[in-house]
Amino acid sequence: RELPGITCRSVDVDLEGDQSEQCATQIVAELASLRENATVAFRDGERFVETLEQLSLKGASESRRLERRGVYLITGGLGGIGLVVAEHLAREFNARLVLVSRSALPPEEQWETSLNDAQETEANKQRIRKLIAIRSIAGGLLVAQADVTDLGQMRGVVKMARKQYGRIDGVFHAAGV
């Protein structure tokens, strides 16, 4: 849209199974068409188009906000951004937190002793210190190791969070990779 005479499209396809020939046909047909849609997705033979709708902000002040003692899952929860979000939620809302990270930490009951362990990395010691501080002001803290791109692992985290807290009120995606 910024450069006259240049057209750009995003065609999202699902390559599940052996559908490469059908997929190629759909892409060629899409690119050859004069359609205005810049973003298109094909799933199970159906064509989906991105649309934008104007949304009235009237009543926005009545929309759902962060809840005191709410349960919030944070992906990338042991990274810099994730820990800042976690600390804010703990301090301001006494939130119950589920921090998800690919990084492994010692079990919670070993955090204090890990701080004196010469084998523990300084980065992990810093994370543990921050987690201990967050735990002291949060309504609850659960740290889970999982890869956010692995559906099975994330289902396990959600199941564990719901078992411990009964619900999840919101998700913050702070995973950098």
Protein backbone atom coordinates (compact mmCIF):
# COMPACT_ATOMS: atom_id res chain seq x y z
CA ARG A 1 0.00 0.00 0.00
CA GLU A 2 2.95 2.29 0.51
CA LEU A 3 4.41 1.74 -2.96
CA PRO A 4 2.09 2.30 -5.93
CA GLY A 5 2.14 -0.49 -8.49
CA ILE A 6 3.39 -3.14 -6.06
CA THR A 7 1.02 -5.77 -4.75
CA CYS A 8 1.77 -8.00 -1.79
CA ARG A 9 -0.26 -10.95 -0.53
CA SER A 10 0.04 -13.41 2.30
CA VAL A 11 -1.24 -16.88 1.47
CA ASP A 12 -1.29 -19.22 4.46
CA VAL A 13 -1.54 -22.91 3.64
CA ASP A 14 -1.75 -26.05 5.73
CA LEU A 15 0.62 -28.75 4.48
CA GLU A 16 -0.84 -31.58 6.58
CA GLY A 17 -0.80 -34.84 4.66
CA ASP A 18 0.06 -35.07 0.97
CA GLN A 19 -1.75 -32.04 -0.43
CA SER A 20 1.19 -30.35 -2.16
CA GLU A 21 -0.40 -30.43 -5.65
CA GLN A 22 -3.73 -29.04 -4.40
CA CYS A 23 -1.83 -26.46 -2.37
CA ALA A 24 0.23 -25.34 -5.37
CA THR A 25 -2.94 -25.02 -7.48
CA GLN A 26 -4.60 -22.85 -4.80
CA ILE A 27 -1.57 -20.58 -4.49
CA VAL A 28 -1.27 -20.07 -8.26
CA ALA A 29 -5.00 -19.38 -8.58
CA GLU A 30 -4.85 -16.91 -5.71
CA LEU A 31 -1.90 -15.01 -7.13
CA ALA A 32 -3.43 -14.93 -10.63
CA SER A 33 -6.72 -13.48 -9.39
CA LEU A 34 -7.52 -9.79 -9.17
CA ARG A 35 -8.92 -10.08 -5.66
CA GLU A 36 -8.27 -7.31 -3.17
CA ASN A 37 -7.66 -9.57 -0.19
CA ALA A 38 -4.07 -9.28 1.00
CA THR A 39 -4.29 -12.07 3.58
CA VAL A 40 -5.80 -15.43 2.71
CA ALA A 41 -5.63 -18.87 4.34
CA PHE A 42 -6.56 -22.25 2.90
CA ARG A 43 -7.72 -25.01 5.25
CA ASP A 44 -9.31 -28.30 4.22
CA GLY A 45 -10.13 -26.96 0.75
CA GLU A 46 -11.80 -23.80 2.09
CA ARG A 47 -10.61 -20.25 1.50
CA PHE A 48 -10.60 -17.90 4.48
CA VAL A 49 -10.13 -14.15 4.10
CA GLU A 50 -8.99 -11.68 6.73
CA THR A 51 -11.50 -8.92 7.29
CA LEU A 52 -11.37 -5.84 9.44
CA GLU A 53 -14.37 -4.41 11.20
CA GLN A 54 -14.71 -1.13 13.00
CA LEU A 55 -15.20 -1.62 16.70
CA SER A 56 -16.95 0.93 18.83
CA LEU A 57 -15.08 1.79 22.01
CA LYS A 58 -18.34 2.75 23.68
CA GLY A 59 -18.61 0.54 26.73
CA ALA A 60 -14.91 -0.33 26.64
CA SER A 61 -14.56 0.77 30.26
CA GLU A 62 -16.92 -2.05 31.14
CA SER A 63 -14.75 -4.66 29.42
CA ARG A 64 -13.02 -7.32 31.44
CA ARG A 65 -9.91 -6.15 33.26
CA LEU A 66 -7.19 -7.91 35.17
CA GLU A 67 -8.66 -9.47 38.27
CA ARG A 68 -7.41 -9.31 41.81
CA ARG A 69 -6.17 -12.83 42.66
CA GLY A 70 -6.67 -13.79 39.01
CA VAL A 71 -4.78 -16.70 37.51
CA TYR A 72 -2.41 -15.72 34.71
CA LEU A 73 -0.23 -17.95 32.57
CA ILE A 74 2.90 -16.32 31.19
CA THR A 75 4.83 -17.97 28.36
CA GLY A 76 8.48 -17.01 28.44
CA GLY A 77 7.87 -16.61 32.15
CA LEU A 78 11.53 -16.90 33.16
CA GLY A 79 12.77 -14.38 30.59
CA GLY A 80 13.28 -10.70 31.23
CA ILE A 81 9.87 -9.54 29.98
CA GLY A 82 8.03 -12.49 31.53
CA LEU A 83 9.51 -11.86 34.96
CA VAL A 84 8.67 -8.15 34.82
CA VAL A 85 5.05 -8.96 33.87
CA ALA A 86 4.89 -11.58 36.63
CA GLU A 87 6.23 -9.19 39.25
CA HIS A 88 3.74 -6.50 38.22
CA LEU A 89 0.79 -8.91 38.34
CA ALA A 90 1.93 -10.23 41.72
CA ARG A 91 2.44 -6.78 43.22
CA GLU A 92 -0.60 -5.01 41.79
CA PHE A 93 -3.16 -7.84 41.71
CA ASN A 94 -1.85 -10.48 44.13
CA ALA A 95 -2.17 -12.73 41.09
CA ARG A 96 -1.68 -16.46 41.04
CA LEU A 97 0.93 -17.08 38.37
CA VAL A 98 1.88 -19.92 36.05
CA LEU A 99 5.27 -19.21 34.51
CA VAL A 100 6.14 -21.34 31.48
CA SER A 101 9.66 -21.58 30.11
CA ARG A 102 11.79 -23.93 28.06
CA SER A 103 14.61 -23.32 30.56
CA ALA A 104 15.01 -25.82 33.35
CA LEU A 105 15.34 -24.77 36.96
CA PRO A 106 15.84 -26.86 40.08
CA PRO A 107 12.58 -27.85 41.82
CA GLU A 108 11.13 -25.07 43.99
CA GLU A 109 12.04 -26.85 47.22
CA GLN A 110 15.73 -26.64 46.16
CA TRP A 111 15.80 -22.94 45.20
CA GLU A 112 17.36 -21.71 48.44
CA THR A 113 20.15 -24.31 48.40
CA SER A 114 20.75 -23.73 44.67
CA LEU A 115 21.72 -20.14 45.44
CA ASN A 116 24.80 -21.47 47.28
CA ASP A 117 25.59 -24.17 44.71
CA ALA A 118 28.80 -23.41 42.83
CA GLN A 119 27.58 -25.61 39.95
CA GLU A 120 24.47 -23.47 39.38
CA THR A 121 24.80 -20.82 36.67
CA GLU A 122 24.66 -17.15 37.65
CA ALA A 123 21.74 -16.66 35.23
CA ASN A 124 19.72 -19.34 37.03
CA LYS A 125 20.65 -17.87 40.42
CA GLN A 126 19.32 -14.48 39.27
CA ARG A 127 16.09 -16.11 38.04
CA ILE A 128 15.70 -17.99 41.34
CA ARG A 129 16.21 -14.79 43.38
CA LYS A 130 13.56 -13.05 41.28
CA LEU A 131 11.16 -16.01 41.62
CA ILE A 132 11.60 -16.07 45.40
CA ALA A 133 10.76 -12.34 45.52
CA ILE A 134 7.72 -12.83 43.25
CA ARG A 135 6.56 -15.84 45.27
CA SER A 136 6.59 -13.71 48.43
CA ILE A 137 4.06 -11.22 46.98
CA ALA A 138 2.03 -13.40 44.60
CA GLY A 139 -1.15 -15.21 45.50
CA GLY A 140 0.52 -18.37 44.22
CA LEU A 141 3.35 -19.38 41.91
CA LEU A 142 3.71 -22.39 39.65
CA VAL A 143 6.77 -22.76 37.40
CA ALA A 144 6.47 -25.20 34.51
CA GLN A 145 8.99 -26.30 31.91
CA ALA A 146 7.47 -26.61 28.44
CA ASP A 147 8.03 -25.57 24.85
CA VAL A 148 5.16 -23.27 23.80
CA THR A 149 5.30 -24.71 20.28
CA ASP A 150 4.55 -28.21 21.58
CA LEU A 151 0.77 -28.61 21.89
CA GLY A 152 1.04 -31.69 24.10
CA GLN A 153 3.38 -29.99 26.57
CA MET A 154 1.18 -26.89 26.73
CA ARG A 155 -1.95 -28.97 27.29
CA GLY A 156 -0.11 -30.54 30.21
CA VAL A 157 0.72 -27.10 31.64
CA VAL A 158 -2.89 -25.93 31.28
CA LYS A 159 -4.13 -29.11 32.96
CA MET A 160 -1.66 -28.63 35.81
CA ALA A 161 -2.63 -24.95 36.22
CA ARG A 162 -6.35 -25.74 36.28
CA LYS A 163 -5.76 -28.52 38.78
CA GLN A 164 -3.86 -26.19 41.11
CA TYR A 165 -5.91 -23.00 40.63
CA GLY A 166 -9.21 -24.14 39.11
CA ARG A 167 -9.07 -21.77 36.14
CA ILE A 168 -6.93 -19.51 33.96
CA ASP A 169 -8.07 -15.89 33.63
CA GLY A 170 -5.55 -14.74 31.06
CA VAL A 171 -2.42 -15.54 29.10
CA PHE A 172 0.55 -13.28 28.44
CA HIS A 173 2.74 -14.42 25.57
CA ALA A 174 6.23 -13.18 26.41
CA ALA A 175 8.25 -15.99 24.86
CA GLY A 176 10.97 -14.50 22.71
CA VAL A 177 11.83 -17.57 20.63
